[in-house]
Protein backbone atom coordinates (compact mmCIF):
# COMPACT_ATOMS: atom_id res chain seq x y z
CA UNK A 1 115.53 71.79 73.81
CA UNK A 2 112.36 73.04 72.08
CA UNK A 3 111.13 76.04 74.05
CA UNK A 4 108.64 77.30 71.47
CA UNK A 5 105.75 75.77 73.37
CA UNK A 6 106.35 77.95 76.41
CA UNK A 7 107.87 80.96 74.70
CA UNK A 8 106.11 84.26 74.20
CA UNK A 9 108.58 87.13 74.60
CA UNK A 10 107.33 89.92 76.80
CA UNK A 11 104.26 88.16 78.16
CA UNK A 12 105.49 88.63 81.73
CA UNK A 13 105.55 92.39 81.26
CA UNK A 14 102.20 92.53 79.50
CA UNK A 15 100.62 90.23 82.06
CA UNK A 16 101.96 92.10 85.04
CA UNK A 17 101.79 95.65 83.80
CA UNK A 18 98.77 95.89 81.53
CA UNK A 19 96.43 92.92 81.78
CA UNK A 20 96.49 92.71 85.58
CA UNK A 21 95.89 96.43 85.94
CA UNK A 22 92.99 96.33 83.51
CA UNK A 23 91.46 93.24 85.07
CA UNK A 24 91.90 94.37 88.67
CA UNK A 25 91.46 98.15 88.37
CA UNK A 26 87.79 98.09 89.43
CA UNK A 27 88.04 95.03 91.68
CA UNK A 28 88.12 96.97 94.92
CA UNK A 29 91.44 95.38 95.86
CA UNK A 30 93.96 97.53 97.68
CA UNK A 31 96.58 99.06 95.36
CA UNK A 32 99.39 97.36 97.33
CA UNK A 33 97.80 93.97 96.68
CA UNK A 34 97.45 94.75 92.98
CA UNK A 35 101.14 95.77 92.89
CA UNK A 36 102.07 92.50 94.63
CA UNK A 37 100.10 90.43 92.09
CA UNK A 38 101.64 92.38 89.21
CA UNK A 39 105.17 91.85 90.55
CA UNK A 40 104.68 88.08 90.91
CA UNK A 41 103.34 87.85 87.36
CA UNK A 42 106.22 89.91 85.97
CA UNK A 43 108.73 87.62 87.68
CA UNK A 44 107.40 84.26 86.61
CA UNK A 45 109.62 84.25 83.53
CA UNK A 46 112.72 84.43 85.73
CA UNK A 47 112.61 80.72 86.39
CA UNK A 48 111.43 79.35 83.05
CA UNK A 49 113.09 76.39 81.32
CA UNK A 50 115.97 78.56 80.09
CA UNK A 51 116.95 79.54 83.64
CA UNK A 52 118.08 76.01 84.53
CA UNK A 53 120.21 75.44 81.41
CA UNK A 54 123.87 75.37 82.41
CA UNK A 55 123.09 75.09 86.11
CA UNK A 56 122.81 71.30 86.21
CA UNK A 57 126.05 70.94 88.18
CA UNK A 58 125.40 73.78 90.59
CA UNK A 59 125.25 72.82 94.24
CA UNK A 60 121.96 73.23 96.09
CA UNK A 61 123.30 76.25 97.94
CA UNK A 62 124.50 77.93 94.72
CA UNK A 63 121.11 77.48 93.07
CA UNK A 64 119.26 78.56 96.20
CA UNK A 65 121.41 81.67 96.57
CA UNK A 66 120.87 82.61 92.92
CA UNK A 67 117.10 82.12 93.11
CA UNK A 68 116.86 84.21 96.27
CA UNK A 69 118.95 87.00 94.75
CA UNK A 70 116.80 87.22 91.61
CA UNK A 71 113.32 86.85 93.12
CA UNK A 72 113.24 90.15 95.04
CA UNK A 73 111.78 88.50 98.14
CA UNK A 74 109.12 86.62 96.17
CA UNK A 75 110.91 83.31 95.59
CA UNK A 76 108.02 81.13 96.77
CA UNK A 77 105.42 83.02 94.80
CA UNK A 78 107.54 83.31 91.64
CA UNK A 79 108.61 79.68 91.58
CA UNK A 80 105.11 78.40 92.32
CA UNK A 81 103.69 80.60 89.56
CA UNK A 82 106.23 79.23 87.06
CA UNK A 83 105.69 75.67 88.30
CA UNK A 84 101.96 75.98 87.59
CA UNK A 85 102.50 77.83 84.30
CA UNK A 86 104.83 75.17 82.93
CA UNK A 87 103.34 72.13 84.68
CA UNK A 88 102.29 70.27 81.52
CA UNK A 89 104.95 71.72 79.19
CA UNK A 90 107.53 69.10 78.18
CA UNK A 91 110.13 71.87 77.82
CA UNK A 92 109.78 72.63 81.53
CA UNK A 93 110.15 69.07 82.85
CA UNK A 94 113.71 69.63 84.13
CA UNK A 95 112.74 73.00 85.56
CA UNK A 96 109.76 71.45 87.32
CA UNK A 97 112.03 68.90 88.97
CA UNK A 98 114.39 71.68 90.13
CA UNK A 99 111.48 73.69 91.57
CA UNK A 100 110.41 70.61 93.55
CA UNK A 101 113.96 70.26 94.87
CA UNK A 102 114.04 73.90 95.92
CA UNK A 103 110.68 73.68 97.67
CA UNK A 104 111.95 70.65 99.61
CA UNK A 105 115.07 72.44 100.88
CA UNK A 106 114.54 73.87 104.40
CA UNK A 107 116.92 76.82 103.72
CA UNK A 108 114.59 77.87 100.89
CA UNK A 109 112.16 79.12 103.54
CA UNK A 110 114.74 81.22 105.38
CA UNK A 111 114.39 84.83 104.31
CA UNK A 112 117.51 86.27 102.77
CA UNK A 113 118.80 89.28 104.66
CA UNK A 114 120.73 92.03 102.97
CA UNK A 115 123.05 94.37 104.79
CA UNK A 116 125.66 96.97 104.01
CA UNK A 117 128.83 96.38 106.04
């Protein structure tokens, strides 16, 4: 799989931590909203083409559980961001299909609850 077309190591960090803060610092947006935007941008690399390699035989519930555990409560935002980012990239075609599957699973929209027994 040729990932060079969608690969730029560290761009999630730079996008979320530096560029967003510079672009939005004088926007008048609330700091919490800026933090939210930055977090979504930082996470979009979580579900790039590489994420799905080796998970082809995972059940829907295994994949869903893994996505929810990694996305820090921002699964919809993070997956949609990656879907848009890689929409026309041939390297992301399998990932795009998986994102569609996830978005069409009703349990995807149930918030994961964490508890300490």
